[in-house]
Amino acid sequence: MAVATGLRNNLLPWLGSGPLFTAVAYGILYLEAAFFVALARAIRRTASSFGEFVKSRNRQ
């Protein structure tokens, strides 16, 4: 999540404080959360596929 970290470190101090700062900060948090949700789903899908593969190998 280097992009979100870069935004947080470089853009937020420049914005100062106020409604624009809050909107950008929440937008970055949303992007980070969406990234980790997608990552968790991909890991779960991969683990499930691998589990099915192992089961099919054990049946043979």
PDB file of N, CA and C in Angstrom:
ATOM      1  N   MET A   1       0.830  -1.188   0.000  1.00  0.00           N
ATOM      2  CA  MET A   1       0.000   0.000   0.000  1.00  0.00           C
ATOM      3  C   MET A   1       0.873   1.249   0.000  1.00  0.00           C
ATOM      4  N   ALA A   2       1.894   1.221  -0.834  1.00  0.00           N
ATOM      5  CA  ALA A   2       2.826   2.346  -0.886  1.00  0.00           C
ATOM      6  C   ALA A   2       2.146   3.623  -1.365  1.00  0.00           C
ATOM      7  N   VAL A   3       1.156   3.483  -2.237  1.00  0.00           N
ATOM      8  CA  VAL A   3       0.465   4.672  -2.750  1.00  0.00           C
ATOM      9  C   VAL A   3      -0.260   5.394  -1.625  1.00  0.00           C
ATOM     10  N   ALA A   4      -0.992   4.638  -0.804  1.00  0.00           N
ATOM     11  CA  ALA A   4      -1.720   5.266   0.310  1.00  0.00           C
ATOM     12  C   ALA A   4      -0.751   5.872   1.314  1.00  0.00           C
ATOM     13  N   THR A   5       0.361   5.197   1.566  1.00  0.00           N
ATOM     14  CA  THR A   5       1.348   5.737   2.498  1.00  0.00           C
ATOM     15  C   THR A   5       1.956   7.021   1.949  1.00  0.00           C
ATOM     16  N   GLY A   6       2.259   7.028   0.660  1.00  0.00           N
ATOM     17  CA  GLY A   6       2.783   8.244   0.042  1.00  0.00           C
ATOM     18  C   GLY A   6       1.795   9.386   0.105  1.00  0.00           C
ATOM     19  N   LEU A   7       0.529   9.087  -0.170  1.00  0.00           N
ATOM     20  CA  LEU A   7      -0.502  10.129  -0.069  1.00  0.00           C
ATOM     21  C   LEU A   7      -0.593  10.660   1.348  1.00  0.00           C
ATOM     22  N   ARG A   8      -0.588   9.734   2.312  1.00  0.00           N
ATOM     23  CA  ARG A   8      -0.734  10.138   3.705  1.00  0.00           C
ATOM     24  C   ARG A   8       0.441  11.008   4.138  1.00  0.00           C
ATOM     25  N   ASN A   9       1.650  10.618   3.752  1.00  0.00           N
ATOM     26  CA  ASN A   9       2.833  11.347   4.215  1.00  0.00           C
ATOM     27  C   ASN A   9       3.061  12.660   3.488  1.00  0.00           C
ATOM     28  N   ASN A  10       2.682  12.733   2.220  1.00  0.00           N
ATOM     29  CA  ASN A  10       3.001  13.919   1.421  1.00  0.00           C
ATOM     30  C   ASN A  10       1.828  14.877   1.236  1.00  0.00           C
ATOM     31  N   LEU A  11       0.634  14.336   1.091  1.00  0.00           N
ATOM     32  CA  LEU A  11      -0.508  15.189   0.759  1.00  0.00           C
ATOM     33  C   LEU A  11      -1.194  15.745   2.010  1.00  0.00           C
ATOM     34  N   LEU A  12      -1.352  14.909   3.020  1.00  0.00           N
ATOM     35  CA  LEU A  12      -2.119  15.366   4.188  1.00  0.00           C
ATOM     36  C   LEU A  12      -1.474  16.542   4.924  1.00  0.00           C
ATOM     37  N   PRO A  13      -0.158  16.557   5.158  1.00  0.00           N
ATOM     38  CA  PRO A  13       0.410  17.740   5.833  1.00  0.00           C
ATOM     39  C   PRO A  13       0.226  19.021   5.010  1.00  0.00           C
ATOM     40  N   TRP A  14       0.238  18.898   3.694  1.00  0.00           N
ATOM     41  CA  TRP A  14       0.081  20.058   2.829  1.00  0.00           C
ATOM     42  C   TRP A  14      -1.346  20.619   2.910  1.00  0.00           C
ATOM     43  N   LEU A  15      -2.322  19.740   3.136  1.00  0.00           N
ATOM     44  CA  LEU A  15      -3.713  20.194   3.194  1.00  0.00           C
ATOM     45  C   LEU A  15      -4.039  20.955   4.470  1.00  0.00           C
ATOM     46  N   GLY A  16      -3.221  20.765   5.497  1.00  0.00           N
ATOM     47  CA  GLY A  16      -3.507  21.434   6.761  1.00  0.00           C
ATOM     48  C   GLY A  16      -4.635  20.736   7.494  1.00  0.00           C
ATOM     49  N   SER A  17      -5.647  21.487   7.898  1.00  0.00           N
ATOM     50  CA  SER A  17      -6.791  20.891   8.576  1.00  0.00           C
ATOM     51  C   SER A  17      -8.056  21.467   7.961  1.00  0.00           C
ATOM     52  N   GLY A  18      -9.167  20.828   8.282  1.00  0.00           N
ATOM     53  CA  GLY A  18     -10.430  21.315   7.742  1.00  0.00           C
ATOM     54  C   GLY A  18     -11.162  20.224   6.982  1.00  0.00           C
ATOM     55  N   PRO A  19     -12.238  20.601   6.299  1.00  0.00           N
ATOM     56  CA  PRO A  19     -13.078  19.589   5.644  1.00  0.00           C
ATOM     57  C   PRO A  19     -12.376  18.866   4.496  1.00  0.00           C
ATOM     58  N   LEU A  20     -11.514  19.560   3.754  1.00  0.00           N
ATOM     59  CA  LEU A  20     -10.801  18.904   2.659  1.00  0.00           C
ATOM     60  C   LEU A  20      -9.828  17.868   3.207  1.00  0.00           C
ATOM     61  N   PHE A  21      -9.119  18.211   4.276  1.00  0.00           N
ATOM     62  CA  PHE A  21      -8.217  17.275   4.936  1.00  0.00           C
ATOM     63  C   PHE A  21      -8.985  16.033   5.378  1.00  0.00           C
ATOM     64  N   THR A  22     -10.132  16.245   5.998  1.00  0.00           N
ATOM     65  CA  THR A  22     -10.942  15.123   6.495  1.00  0.00           C
ATOM     66  C   THR A  22     -11.412  14.248   5.342  1.00  0.00           C
ATOM     67  N   ALA A  23     -11.870  14.868   4.267  1.00  0.00           N
ATOM     68  CA  ALA A  23     -12.356  14.094   3.121  1.00  0.00           C
ATOM     69  C   ALA A  23     -11.233  13.263   2.505  1.00  0.00           C
ATOM     70  N   VAL A  24     -10.064  13.859   2.338  1.00  0.00           N
ATOM     71  CA  VAL A  24      -8.935  13.128   1.746  1.00  0.00           C
ATOM     72  C   VAL A  24      -8.472  12.017   2.675  1.00  0.00           C
ATOM     73  N   ALA A  25      -8.417  12.312   3.980  1.00  0.00           N
ATOM     74  CA  ALA A  25      -7.980  11.286   4.938  1.00  0.00           C
ATOM     75  C   ALA A  25      -8.934  10.095   4.933  1.00  0.00           C
ATOM     76  N   TYR A  26     -10.242  10.366   4.934  1.00  0.00           N
ATOM     77  CA  TYR A  26     -11.201   9.256   4.893  1.00  0.00           C
ATOM     78  C   TYR A  26     -11.151   8.517   3.554  1.00  0.00           C
ATOM     79  N   GLY A  27     -10.889   9.226   2.475  1.00  0.00           N
ATOM     80  CA  GLY A  27     -10.730   8.566   1.178  1.00  0.00           C
ATOM     81  C   GLY A  27      -9.554   7.616   1.175  1.00  0.00           C
ATOM     82  N   ILE A  28      -8.427   8.041   1.764  1.00  0.00           N
ATOM     83  CA  ILE A  28      -7.250   7.176   1.854  1.00  0.00           C
ATOM     84  C   ILE A  28      -7.558   5.959   2.726  1.00  0.00           C
ATOM     85  N   LEU A  29      -8.234   6.180   3.845  1.00  0.00           N
ATOM     86  CA  LEU A  29      -8.608   5.046   4.702  1.00  0.00           C
ATOM     87  C   LEU A  29      -9.500   4.064   3.965  1.00  0.00           C
ATOM     88  N   TYR A  30     -10.435   4.586   3.167  1.00  0.00           N
ATOM     89  CA  TYR A  30     -11.326   3.726   2.390  1.00  0.00           C
ATOM     90  C   TYR A  30     -10.529   2.900   1.382  1.00  0.00           C
ATOM     91  N   LEU A  31      -9.581   3.533   0.693  1.00  0.00           N
ATOM     92  CA  LEU A  31      -8.748   2.813  -0.272  1.00  0.00           C
ATOM     93  C   LEU A  31      -7.945   1.716   0.416  1.00  0.00           C
ATOM     94  N   GLU A  32      -7.368   2.018   1.581  1.00  0.00           N
ATOM     95  CA  GLU A  32      -6.602   1.009   2.305  1.00  0.00           C
ATOM     96  C   GLU A  32      -7.497  -0.149   2.734  1.00  0.00           C
ATOM     97  N   ALA A  33      -8.685   0.159   3.241  1.00  0.00           N
ATOM     98  CA  ALA A  33      -9.602  -0.901   3.675  1.00  0.00           C
ATOM     99  C   ALA A  33     -10.030  -1.759   2.494  1.00  0.00           C
ATOM    100  N   ALA A  34     -10.335  -1.138   1.364  1.00  0.00           N
ATOM    101  CA  ALA A  34     -10.731  -1.894   0.176  1.00  0.00           C
ATOM    102  C   ALA A  34      -9.600  -2.801  -0.287  1.00  0.00           C
ATOM    103  N   PHE A  35      -8.369  -2.311  -0.210  1.00  0.00           N
ATOM    104  CA  PHE A  35      -7.220  -3.124  -0.599  1.00  0.00           C
ATOM    105  C   PHE A  35      -7.095  -4.356   0.292  1.00  0.00           C
ATOM    106  N   PHE A  36      -7.201  -4.164   1.614  1.00  0.00           N
ATOM    107  CA  PHE A  36      -7.027  -5.293   2.519  1.00  0.00           C
ATOM    108  C   PHE A  36      -8.194  -6.280   2.441  1.00  0.00           C
ATOM    109  N   VAL A  37      -9.390  -5.798   2.181  1.00  0.00           N
ATOM    110  CA  VAL A  37     -10.532  -6.696   1.976  1.00  0.00           C
ATOM    111  C   VAL A  37     -10.306  -7.547   0.729  1.00  0.00           C
ATOM    112  N   ALA A  38      -9.865  -6.920  -0.352  1.00  0.00           N
ATOM    113  CA  ALA A  38      -9.586  -7.664  -1.585  1.00  0.00           C
ATOM    114  C   ALA A  38      -8.454  -8.663  -1.374  1.00  0.00           C
ATOM    115  N   LEU A  39      -7.434  -8.268  -0.624  1.00  0.00           N
ATOM    116  CA  LEU A  39      -6.322  -9.169  -0.333  1.00  0.00           C
ATOM    117  C   LEU A  39      -6.792 -10.372   0.483  1.00  0.00           C
ATOM    118  N   ALA A  40      -7.622 -10.124   1.492  1.00  0.00           N
ATOM    119  CA  ALA A  40      -8.134 -11.218   2.316  1.00  0.00           C
ATOM    120  C   ALA A  40      -8.989 -12.174   1.487  1.00  0.00           C
ATOM    121  N   ARG A  41      -9.810 -11.643   0.599  1.00  0.00           N
ATOM    122  CA  ARG A  41     -10.637 -12.498  -0.264  1.00  0.00           C
ATOM    123  C   ARG A  41      -9.773 -13.341  -1.189  1.00  0.00           C
ATOM    124  N   ALA A  42      -8.733 -12.742  -1.738  1.00  0.00           N
ATOM    125  CA  ALA A  42      -7.847 -13.484  -2.639  1.00  0.00           C
ATOM    126  C   ALA A  42      -7.118 -14.594  -1.886  1.00  0.00           C
ATOM    127  N   ILE A  43      -6.667 -14.307  -0.670  1.00  0.00           N
ATOM    128  CA  ILE A  43      -5.984 -15.324   0.127  1.00  0.00           C
ATOM    129  C   ILE A  43      -6.943 -16.449   0.470  1.00  0.00           C
ATOM    130  N   ARG A  44      -8.169 -16.104   0.852  1.00  0.00           N
ATOM    131  CA  ARG A  44      -9.154 -17.124   1.207  1.00  0.00           C
ATOM    132  C   ARG A  44      -9.494 -17.990  -0.008  1.00  0.00           C
ATOM    133  N   ARG A  45      -9.638 -17.352  -1.165  1.00  0.00           N
ATOM    134  CA  ARG A  45      -9.954 -18.090  -2.395  1.00  0.00           C
ATOM    135  C   ARG A  45      -8.809 -19.033  -2.752  1.00  0.00           C
ATOM    136  N   THR A  46      -7.582 -18.546  -2.628  1.00  0.00           N
ATOM    137  CA  THR A  46      -6.419 -19.371  -2.944  1.00  0.00           C
ATOM    138  C   THR A  46      -6.313 -20.540  -1.972  1.00  0.00           C
ATOM    139  N   ALA A  47      -6.533 -20.273  -0.695  1.00  0.00           N
ATOM    140  CA  ALA A  47      -6.465 -21.349   0.297  1.00  0.00           C
ATOM    141  C   ALA A  47      -7.547 -22.384   0.049  1.00  0.00           C
ATOM    142  N   SER A  48      -8.739 -21.938  -0.327  1.00  0.00           N
ATOM    143  CA  SER A  48      -9.832 -22.858  -0.613  1.00  0.00           C
ATOM    144  C   SER A  48      -9.500 -23.713  -1.833  1.00  0.00           C
ATOM    145  N   SER A  49      -8.974 -23.087  -2.872  1.00  0.00           N
ATOM    146  CA  SER A  49      -8.594 -23.824  -4.080  1.00  0.00           C
ATOM    147  C   SER A  49      -7.498 -24.829  -3.767  1.00  0.00           C
ATOM    148  N   PHE A  50      -6.537 -24.422  -2.954  1.00  0.00           N
ATOM    149  CA  PHE A  50      -5.454 -25.333  -2.593  1.00  0.00           C
ATOM    150  C   PHE A  50      -5.989 -26.503  -1.765  1.00  0.00           C
ATOM    151  N   GLY A  51      -6.945 -26.219  -0.865  1.00  0.00           N
ATOM    152  CA  GLY A  51      -7.559 -27.288  -0.077  1.00  0.00           C
ATOM    153  C   GLY A  51      -8.296 -28.281  -0.949  1.00  0.00           C
ATOM    154  N   GLU A  52      -9.016 -27.782  -1.946  1.00  0.00           N
ATOM    155  CA  GLU A  52      -9.701 -28.680  -2.887  1.00  0.00           C
ATOM    156  C   GLU A  52      -8.696 -29.498  -3.684  1.00  0.00           C
ATOM    157  N   PHE A  53      -7.595 -28.889  -4.074  1.00  0.00           N
ATOM    158  CA  PHE A  53      -6.557 -29.602  -4.812  1.00  0.00           C
ATOM    159  C   PHE A  53      -5.988 -30.737  -3.966  1.00  0.00           C
ATOM    160  N   VAL A  54      -5.706 -30.448  -2.691  1.00  0.00           N
ATOM    161  CA  VAL A  54      -5.149 -31.476  -1.805  1.00  0.00           C
ATOM    162  C   VAL A  54      -6.155 -32.608  -1.618  1.00  0.00           C
ATOM    163  N   LYS A  55      -7.430 -32.266  -1.443  1.00  0.00           N
ATOM    164  CA  LYS A  55      -8.459 -33.302  -1.285  1.00  0.00           C
ATOM    165  C   LYS A  55      -8.531 -34.191  -2.526  1.00  0.00           C
ATOM    166  N   SER A  56      -8.480 -33.564  -3.699  1.00  0.00           N
ATOM    167  CA  SER A  56      -8.578 -34.352  -4.935  1.00  0.00           C
ATOM    168  C   SER A  56      -7.345 -35.243  -5.098  1.00  0.00           C
ATOM    169  N   ARG A  57      -6.191 -34.784  -4.663  1.00  0.00           N
ATOM    170  CA  ARG A  57      -4.979 -35.602  -4.750  1.00  0.00           C
ATOM    171  C   ARG A  57      -5.046 -36.773  -3.786  1.00  0.00           C
ATOM    172  N   ASN A  58      -5.670 -36.576  -2.622  1.00  0.00           N
ATOM    173  CA  ASN A  58      -5.762 -37.645  -1.629  1.00  0.00           C
ATOM    174  C   ASN A  58      -6.747 -38.726  -2.055  1.00  0.00           C
ATOM    175  N   ARG A  59      -7.748 -38.360  -2.868  1.00  0.00           N
ATOM    176  CA  ARG A  59      -8.749 -39.333  -3.314  1.00  0.00           C
ATOM    177  C   ARG A  59      -8.173 -40.311  -4.328  1.00  0.00           C
ATOM    178  N   GLN A  60      -7.179 -39.880  -5.052  1.00  0.00           N
ATOM    179  CA  GLN A  60      -6.626 -40.731  -6.123  1.00  0.00           C
ATOM    180  C   GLN A  60      -5.784 -41.862  -5.592  1.00  0.00           C
TER     181      GLN A  60
END
